[in-house]
Amino acid sequence: MKTASMFFVALLCLSPLAAHSEVSTRVSCFRSLDGKNINFEFRTYFDTVTKWGGAGVRYSKSKKAIPLVYRNTEDEVMTEEGPHQFTTTWVEVSDGVVTGEYEMATQGARVNSMYYRNYKSGKQYSFDQDITMEATPETGCRW
């Protein structure tokens, strides 16, 4: 019995040394460029250990987030000596149905463009990142 207790205590002491996965979260706030009052919060998640990533959007007038599924990333060389532009496409899945897609072009930390395309209506909306708004994983965008 004493050996089992010592083993349990040793296990508890060593457990903090076990590898754990940390998921990083990035929150960006976007506003419509089309003259409409459409704002949304775009969250990306990445697990460094499993190399898994995910995303979601939450519109300012909604309490529910919409999950996004990563589709692909295209790498473009804009100028020979400049940074590459990465265009990432995320597919929107609402209530189990694929309803649209988000396409974001970035160079480093800068977002050059963000578009949303609704599959049902065929309409496309343009958004600009609101870099003046402070957003954290805990608070999100404060509209």
N, C-alpha and C. Protein backbone atom coordinates (compact mmCIF):
# COMPACT_ATOMS: atom_id res chain seq x y z
N MET A 1 0.83 -1.19 0.00
CA MET A 1 0.00 0.00 0.00
C MET A 1 0.87 1.25 0.00
N LYS A 2 1.95 1.23 0.81
CA LYS A 2 2.84 2.38 0.91
C LYS A 2 3.54 2.63 -0.44
N THR A 3 3.91 1.57 -1.14
CA THR A 3 4.56 1.70 -2.44
C THR A 3 3.61 2.34 -3.44
N ALA A 4 2.35 1.95 -3.41
CA ALA A 4 1.36 2.52 -4.32
C ALA A 4 1.16 4.00 -4.04
N SER A 5 1.13 4.38 -2.77
CA SER A 5 0.98 5.80 -2.40
C SER A 5 2.16 6.61 -2.88
N MET A 6 3.36 6.07 -2.71
CA MET A 6 4.57 6.79 -3.16
C MET A 6 4.56 6.94 -4.69
N PHE A 7 4.12 5.90 -5.38
CA PHE A 7 4.03 5.96 -6.82
C PHE A 7 3.05 7.05 -7.26
N PHE A 8 1.90 7.13 -6.60
CA PHE A 8 0.89 8.13 -6.90
C PHE A 8 1.42 9.54 -6.67
N VAL A 9 2.12 9.77 -5.56
CA VAL A 9 2.70 11.09 -5.26
C VAL A 9 3.76 11.44 -6.31
N ALA A 10 4.59 10.49 -6.68
CA ALA A 10 5.61 10.74 -7.70
C ALA A 10 4.96 11.08 -9.03
N LEU A 11 3.89 10.38 -9.36
CA LEU A 11 3.17 10.65 -10.60
C LEU A 11 2.60 12.06 -10.61
N LEU A 12 2.02 12.48 -9.50
CA LEU A 12 1.49 13.84 -9.39
C LEU A 12 2.58 14.89 -9.54
N CYS A 13 3.74 14.62 -8.96
CA CYS A 13 4.85 15.58 -9.05
C CYS A 13 5.40 15.70 -10.46
N LEU A 14 5.38 14.60 -11.19
CA LEU A 14 5.94 14.59 -12.54
C LEU A 14 4.95 15.04 -13.60
N SER A 15 3.66 15.03 -13.31
CA SER A 15 2.66 15.34 -14.33
C SER A 15 2.80 16.74 -14.91
N PRO A 16 3.25 17.77 -14.16
CA PRO A 16 3.43 19.06 -14.81
C PRO A 16 4.50 19.04 -15.89
N LEU A 17 5.38 18.05 -15.85
CA LEU A 17 6.45 17.96 -16.85
C LEU A 17 5.96 17.37 -18.16
N ALA A 18 4.78 16.79 -18.15
CA ALA A 18 4.24 16.21 -19.37
C ALA A 18 3.95 17.31 -20.38
N ALA A 19 4.14 16.99 -21.65
CA ALA A 19 3.88 17.97 -22.71
C ALA A 19 2.41 18.31 -22.77
N HIS A 20 2.12 19.57 -22.95
CA HIS A 20 0.73 19.97 -23.13
C HIS A 20 0.65 20.86 -24.36
N SER A 21 -0.50 20.86 -24.93
CA SER A 21 -0.72 21.59 -26.16
C SER A 21 -1.28 22.97 -25.83
N GLU A 22 -0.78 23.97 -26.50
CA GLU A 22 -1.31 25.31 -26.30
C GLU A 22 -1.95 25.79 -27.59
N VAL A 23 -3.20 26.19 -27.49
CA VAL A 23 -3.93 26.70 -28.65
C VAL A 23 -3.84 28.21 -28.62
N SER A 24 -3.33 28.78 -29.71
CA SER A 24 -3.27 30.24 -29.81
C SER A 24 -4.53 30.73 -30.52
N THR A 25 -5.01 31.87 -30.07
CA THR A 25 -6.23 32.46 -30.63
C THR A 25 -5.91 33.87 -31.11
N ARG A 26 -6.37 34.18 -32.30
CA ARG A 26 -6.20 35.52 -32.86
C ARG A 26 -7.59 36.06 -33.20
N VAL A 27 -7.85 37.29 -32.78
CA VAL A 27 -9.16 37.91 -33.02
C VAL A 27 -8.95 39.17 -33.86
N SER A 28 -9.70 39.29 -34.96
CA SER A 28 -9.66 40.47 -35.81
C SER A 28 -11.08 40.98 -36.01
N CYS A 29 -11.23 42.29 -36.12
CA CYS A 29 -12.54 42.91 -36.28
C CYS A 29 -12.65 43.49 -37.70
N PHE A 30 -13.78 43.26 -38.35
CA PHE A 30 -13.98 43.72 -39.72
C PHE A 30 -15.27 44.50 -39.86
N ARG A 31 -15.23 45.53 -40.74
CA ARG A 31 -16.39 46.37 -41.04
C ARG A 31 -16.63 46.35 -42.55
N SER A 32 -17.89 46.41 -42.94
CA SER A 32 -18.26 46.37 -44.34
C SER A 32 -17.77 47.60 -45.08
N LEU A 33 -17.34 47.41 -46.32
CA LEU A 33 -16.93 48.51 -47.19
C LEU A 33 -18.03 48.90 -48.16
N ASP A 34 -19.14 48.19 -48.14
CA ASP A 34 -20.20 48.38 -49.12
C ASP A 34 -21.29 49.35 -48.68
N GLY A 35 -21.00 50.19 -47.67
CA GLY A 35 -21.99 51.15 -47.21
C GLY A 35 -23.05 50.56 -46.29
N LYS A 36 -22.94 49.28 -46.01
CA LYS A 36 -23.87 48.64 -45.10
C LYS A 36 -23.22 48.57 -43.72
N ASN A 37 -24.04 48.50 -42.69
CA ASN A 37 -23.53 48.42 -41.32
C ASN A 37 -23.38 46.94 -40.93
N ILE A 38 -22.41 46.27 -41.54
CA ILE A 38 -22.14 44.86 -41.26
C ILE A 38 -20.76 44.76 -40.62
N ASN A 39 -20.73 44.25 -39.42
CA ASN A 39 -19.47 44.08 -38.68
C ASN A 39 -19.37 42.64 -38.21
N PHE A 40 -18.15 42.09 -38.25
CA PHE A 40 -17.98 40.75 -37.70
C PHE A 40 -16.61 40.59 -37.07
N GLU A 41 -16.56 39.61 -36.19
CA GLU A 41 -15.34 39.22 -35.48
C GLU A 41 -14.86 37.93 -36.13
N PHE A 42 -13.60 37.90 -36.51
CA PHE A 42 -13.00 36.72 -37.15
C PHE A 42 -11.97 36.15 -36.19
N ARG A 43 -12.17 34.90 -35.77
CA ARG A 43 -11.25 34.25 -34.83
C ARG A 43 -10.58 33.07 -35.52
N THR A 44 -9.26 32.98 -35.33
CA THR A 44 -8.54 31.80 -35.80
C THR A 44 -7.90 31.13 -34.58
N TYR A 45 -7.80 29.83 -34.66
CA TYR A 45 -7.23 29.02 -33.59
C TYR A 45 -6.16 28.13 -34.20
N PHE A 46 -5.05 27.94 -33.46
CA PHE A 46 -4.01 27.04 -33.96
C PHE A 46 -3.37 26.31 -32.79
N ASP A 47 -3.29 25.00 -32.91
CA ASP A 47 -2.66 24.14 -31.92
C ASP A 47 -1.26 23.79 -32.43
N THR A 48 -0.23 24.25 -31.72
CA THR A 48 1.15 24.08 -32.18
C THR A 48 1.61 22.63 -32.14
N VAL A 49 1.05 21.82 -31.26
CA VAL A 49 1.48 20.43 -31.14
C VAL A 49 0.88 19.57 -32.25
N THR A 50 -0.43 19.67 -32.44
CA THR A 50 -1.09 18.83 -33.44
C THR A 50 -1.10 19.45 -34.83
N LYS A 51 -0.71 20.72 -34.91
CA LYS A 51 -0.71 21.46 -36.19
C LYS A 51 -2.12 21.60 -36.75
N TRP A 52 -3.12 21.67 -35.85
CA TRP A 52 -4.52 21.83 -36.23
C TRP A 52 -4.92 23.28 -36.12
N GLY A 53 -5.73 23.75 -37.06
CA GLY A 53 -6.23 25.11 -37.01
C GLY A 53 -7.71 25.14 -37.32
N GLY A 54 -8.36 26.18 -36.87
CA GLY A 54 -9.77 26.35 -37.13
C GLY A 54 -10.11 27.83 -37.09
N ALA A 55 -11.35 28.15 -37.41
CA ALA A 55 -11.76 29.55 -37.41
C ALA A 55 -13.27 29.65 -37.22
N GLY A 56 -13.70 30.85 -36.94
CA GLY A 56 -15.12 31.13 -36.81
C GLY A 56 -15.37 32.62 -36.93
N VAL A 57 -16.60 32.99 -37.26
CA VAL A 57 -16.99 34.39 -37.33
C VAL A 57 -18.21 34.59 -36.44
N ARG A 58 -18.31 35.78 -35.89
CA ARG A 58 -19.50 36.16 -35.12
C ARG A 58 -19.84 37.58 -35.53
N TYR A 59 -21.02 37.74 -36.10
CA TYR A 59 -21.47 39.07 -36.52
C TYR A 59 -21.88 39.87 -35.30
N SER A 60 -21.74 41.19 -35.38
CA SER A 60 -21.98 42.06 -34.23
C SER A 60 -23.40 41.97 -33.71
N LYS A 61 -24.35 41.65 -34.57
CA LYS A 61 -25.75 41.57 -34.14
C LYS A 61 -26.17 40.14 -33.81
N SER A 62 -25.20 39.25 -33.63
CA SER A 62 -25.50 37.85 -33.35
C SER A 62 -24.76 37.39 -32.10
N LYS A 63 -25.36 36.51 -31.35
CA LYS A 63 -24.70 35.93 -30.18
C LYS A 63 -24.01 34.62 -30.54
N LYS A 64 -24.36 34.06 -31.70
CA LYS A 64 -23.87 32.75 -32.11
C LYS A 64 -22.73 32.89 -33.12
N ALA A 65 -21.66 32.15 -32.89
CA ALA A 65 -20.55 32.12 -33.85
C ALA A 65 -20.85 31.10 -34.94
N ILE A 66 -20.33 31.36 -36.13
CA ILE A 66 -20.48 30.46 -37.27
C ILE A 66 -19.14 29.79 -37.50
N PRO A 67 -19.08 28.46 -37.47
CA PRO A 67 -17.80 27.77 -37.69
C PRO A 67 -17.36 27.85 -39.15
N LEU A 68 -16.05 27.94 -39.32
CA LEU A 68 -15.44 27.96 -40.65
C LEU A 68 -14.48 26.78 -40.78
N VAL A 69 -14.42 26.23 -41.97
CA VAL A 69 -13.54 25.11 -42.26
C VAL A 69 -12.50 25.58 -43.27
N TYR A 70 -11.24 25.35 -42.95
CA TYR A 70 -10.15 25.75 -43.85
C TYR A 70 -10.25 25.02 -45.17
N ARG A 71 -10.14 25.78 -46.29
CA ARG A 71 -10.15 25.17 -47.63
C ARG A 71 -8.74 25.13 -48.21
N ASN A 72 -8.10 26.29 -48.34
CA ASN A 72 -6.76 26.32 -48.91
C ASN A 72 -6.10 27.69 -48.72
N THR A 73 -4.79 27.73 -49.00
CA THR A 73 -4.03 28.97 -48.99
C THR A 73 -3.20 29.02 -50.25
N GLU A 74 -3.28 30.15 -50.95
CA GLU A 74 -2.46 30.38 -52.15
C GLU A 74 -1.38 31.39 -51.81
N ASP A 75 -0.18 31.14 -52.30
CA ASP A 75 0.99 32.00 -52.05
C ASP A 75 1.30 32.75 -53.33
N GLU A 76 1.30 34.10 -53.27
CA GLU A 76 1.62 34.93 -54.43
C GLU A 76 2.86 35.76 -54.15
N VAL A 77 3.73 35.85 -55.14
CA VAL A 77 4.88 36.74 -55.04
C VAL A 77 4.47 38.06 -55.68
N MET A 78 4.32 39.10 -54.84
CA MET A 78 3.86 40.40 -55.33
C MET A 78 4.98 41.17 -56.02
N THR A 79 6.13 41.24 -55.37
CA THR A 79 7.33 41.84 -55.95
C THR A 79 8.49 40.91 -55.62
N GLU A 80 9.53 40.98 -56.42
CA GLU A 80 10.66 40.07 -56.26
C GLU A 80 11.28 40.14 -54.87
N GLU A 81 11.38 41.33 -54.30
CA GLU A 81 12.05 41.48 -53.01
C GLU A 81 11.08 41.74 -51.86
N GLY A 82 9.81 41.82 -52.17
CA GLY A 82 8.82 42.11 -51.13
C GLY A 82 8.26 40.86 -50.48
N PRO A 83 7.41 41.07 -49.48
CA PRO A 83 6.80 39.91 -48.81
C PRO A 83 5.76 39.23 -49.71
N HIS A 84 5.58 37.98 -49.47
CA HIS A 84 4.57 37.22 -50.21
C HIS A 84 3.18 37.61 -49.71
N GLN A 85 2.19 37.45 -50.58
CA GLN A 85 0.80 37.61 -50.17
C GLN A 85 0.19 36.22 -50.10
N PHE A 86 -0.49 35.95 -48.98
CA PHE A 86 -1.16 34.67 -48.78
C PHE A 86 -2.66 34.90 -48.80
N THR A 87 -3.35 34.20 -49.69
CA THR A 87 -4.80 34.29 -49.77
C THR A 87 -5.38 32.99 -49.24
N THR A 88 -6.09 33.10 -48.11
CA THR A 88 -6.65 31.94 -47.43
C THR A 88 -8.16 31.94 -47.58
N THR A 89 -8.71 30.78 -47.90
CA THR A 89 -10.15 30.63 -48.06
C THR A 89 -10.69 29.71 -46.97
N TRP A 90 -11.76 30.17 -46.30
CA TRP A 90 -12.46 29.43 -45.26
C TRP A 90 -13.90 29.24 -45.72
N VAL A 91 -14.44 28.04 -45.57
CA VAL A 91 -15.81 27.73 -45.96
C VAL A 91 -16.70 27.85 -44.72
N GLU A 92 -17.82 28.55 -44.90
CA GLU A 92 -18.78 28.76 -43.82
C GLU A 92 -19.75 27.58 -43.74
N VAL A 93 -19.94 27.05 -42.52
CA VAL A 93 -20.86 25.94 -42.30
C VAL A 93 -21.86 26.39 -41.25
N SER A 94 -23.10 26.62 -41.67
CA SER A 94 -24.15 27.09 -40.78
C SER A 94 -25.22 26.02 -40.64
N ASP A 95 -25.43 25.54 -39.43
CA ASP A 95 -26.41 24.48 -39.16
C ASP A 95 -26.18 23.25 -40.04
N GLY A 96 -24.90 22.89 -40.24
CA GLY A 96 -24.55 21.70 -41.01
C GLY A 96 -24.59 21.87 -42.52
N VAL A 97 -24.86 23.09 -43.00
CA VAL A 97 -24.95 23.35 -44.44
C VAL A 97 -23.84 24.34 -44.84
N VAL A 98 -23.16 24.06 -45.95
CA VAL A 98 -22.15 24.97 -46.47
C VAL A 98 -22.88 26.14 -47.12
N THR A 99 -22.70 27.35 -46.56
CA THR A 99 -23.50 28.50 -47.00
C THR A 99 -22.69 29.62 -47.66
N GLY A 100 -21.38 29.59 -47.54
CA GLY A 100 -20.59 30.65 -48.15
C GLY A 100 -19.12 30.46 -47.88
N GLU A 101 -18.34 31.48 -48.23
CA GLU A 101 -16.90 31.40 -47.98
C GLU A 101 -16.32 32.77 -47.71
N TYR A 102 -15.25 32.78 -46.93
CA TYR A 102 -14.49 33.98 -46.60
C TYR A 102 -13.13 33.83 -47.23
N GLU A 103 -12.67 34.91 -47.87
CA GLU A 103 -11.35 34.90 -48.50
C GLU A 103 -10.57 36.09 -47.96
N MET A 104 -9.41 35.80 -47.34
CA MET A 104 -8.61 36.85 -46.73
C MET A 104 -7.20 36.83 -47.32
N ALA A 105 -6.76 38.00 -47.80
CA ALA A 105 -5.41 38.15 -48.34
C ALA A 105 -4.56 38.90 -47.33
N THR A 106 -3.41 38.32 -46.97
CA THR A 106 -2.53 38.93 -45.97
C THR A 106 -1.10 39.01 -46.47
N GLN A 107 -0.39 40.01 -45.96
CA GLN A 107 1.05 40.14 -46.13
C GLN A 107 1.60 40.40 -44.73
N GLY A 108 2.24 39.41 -44.15
CA GLY A 108 2.67 39.53 -42.76
C GLY A 108 1.44 39.65 -41.88
N ALA A 109 1.42 40.63 -40.98
CA ALA A 109 0.28 40.84 -40.08
C ALA A 109 -0.81 41.70 -40.74
N ARG A 110 -0.53 42.26 -41.88
CA ARG A 110 -1.47 43.16 -42.56
C ARG A 110 -2.50 42.38 -43.38
N VAL A 111 -3.77 42.73 -43.20
CA VAL A 111 -4.84 42.14 -44.00
C VAL A 111 -5.12 43.09 -45.16
N ASN A 112 -4.83 42.66 -46.37
CA ASN A 112 -5.04 43.50 -47.55
C ASN A 112 -6.49 43.50 -48.01
N SER A 113 -7.17 42.36 -47.85
CA SER A 113 -8.57 42.29 -48.26
C SER A 113 -9.27 41.15 -47.54
N MET A 114 -10.59 41.32 -47.39
CA MET A 114 -11.44 40.27 -46.81
C MET A 114 -12.76 40.32 -47.57
N TYR A 115 -13.16 39.18 -48.10
CA TYR A 115 -14.40 39.08 -48.85
C TYR A 115 -15.25 37.95 -48.27
N TYR A 116 -16.55 38.14 -48.34
CA TYR A 116 -17.49 37.07 -48.02
C TYR A 116 -18.37 36.87 -49.24
N ARG A 117 -18.53 35.62 -49.64
CA ARG A 117 -19.39 35.26 -50.78
C ARG A 117 -20.47 34.32 -50.27
N ASN A 118 -21.75 34.74 -50.45
CA ASN A 118 -22.88 33.93 -50.05
C ASN A 118 -23.22 33.01 -51.21
N TYR A 119 -23.21 31.70 -50.98
CA TYR A 119 -23.45 30.73 -52.06
C TYR A 119 -24.87 30.78 -52.59
N LYS A 120 -25.86 31.01 -51.73
CA LYS A 120 -27.25 30.99 -52.16
C LYS A 120 -27.60 32.19 -53.04
N SER A 121 -27.21 33.40 -52.61
CA SER A 121 -27.55 34.61 -53.37
C SER A 121 -26.50 34.95 -54.42
N GLY A 122 -25.28 34.44 -54.24
CA GLY A 122 -24.20 34.77 -55.16
C GLY A 122 -23.58 36.13 -54.88
N LYS A 123 -24.08 36.84 -53.87
CA LYS A 123 -23.55 38.18 -53.55
C LYS A 123 -22.21 38.08 -52.85
N GLN A 124 -21.37 39.07 -53.14
CA GLN A 124 -20.06 39.16 -52.49
C GLN A 124 -19.98 40.48 -51.74
N TYR A 125 -19.43 40.43 -50.54
CA TYR A 125 -19.29 41.62 -49.70
C TYR A 125 -17.82 41.83 -49.38
N SER A 126 -17.39 43.10 -49.36
CA SER A 126 -16.02 43.46 -49.04
C SER A 126 -15.95 44.03 -47.64
N PHE A 127 -14.87 43.69 -46.93
CA PHE A 127 -14.68 44.16 -45.56
C PHE A 127 -13.27 44.70 -45.39
N ASP A 128 -13.14 45.60 -44.43
CA ASP A 128 -11.85 46.18 -44.07
C ASP A 128 -11.60 45.87 -42.61
N GLN A 129 -10.36 45.52 -42.27
CA GLN A 129 -10.03 45.25 -40.89
C GLN A 129 -10.01 46.55 -40.10
N ASP A 130 -10.67 46.56 -38.95
CA ASP A 130 -10.68 47.73 -38.07
C ASP A 130 -9.51 47.59 -37.11
N ILE A 131 -8.36 48.17 -37.48
CA ILE A 131 -7.16 48.04 -36.65
C ILE A 131 -7.18 48.95 -35.43
N THR A 132 -8.16 49.86 -35.37
CA THR A 132 -8.26 50.74 -34.20
C THR A 132 -8.96 50.05 -33.03
N MET A 133 -9.67 48.98 -33.29
CA MET A 133 -10.40 48.30 -32.23
C MET A 133 -9.52 47.27 -31.55
N GLU A 134 -9.41 47.40 -30.23
CA GLU A 134 -8.67 46.40 -29.47
C GLU A 134 -9.57 45.20 -29.24
N ALA A 135 -9.05 44.03 -29.54
CA ALA A 135 -9.83 42.81 -29.36
C ALA A 135 -8.93 41.75 -28.74
N THR A 136 -9.45 41.07 -27.75
CA THR A 136 -8.72 39.98 -27.11
C THR A 136 -9.57 38.71 -27.20
N PRO A 137 -8.94 37.54 -27.01
CA PRO A 137 -9.73 36.30 -27.01
C PRO A 137 -10.81 36.30 -25.93
N GLU A 138 -10.57 36.99 -24.83
CA GLU A 138 -11.54 37.02 -23.75
C GLU A 138 -12.72 37.95 -24.03
N THR A 139 -12.46 39.10 -24.64
CA THR A 139 -13.53 40.10 -24.85
C THR A 139 -14.05 40.13 -26.28
N GLY A 140 -13.23 39.73 -27.24
CA GLY A 140 -13.63 39.82 -28.65
C GLY A 140 -13.70 41.28 -29.10
N CYS A 141 -14.43 41.53 -30.17
CA CYS A 141 -14.62 42.88 -30.69
C CYS A 141 -15.74 43.55 -29.90
N ARG A 142 -15.53 44.78 -29.53
CA ARG A 142 -16.54 45.53 -28.75
C ARG A 142 -17.20 46.55 -29.67
N TRP A 143 -18.28 46.14 -30.29
CA TRP A 143 -18.98 47.00 -31.25
C TRP A 143 -19.75 48.07 -30.58
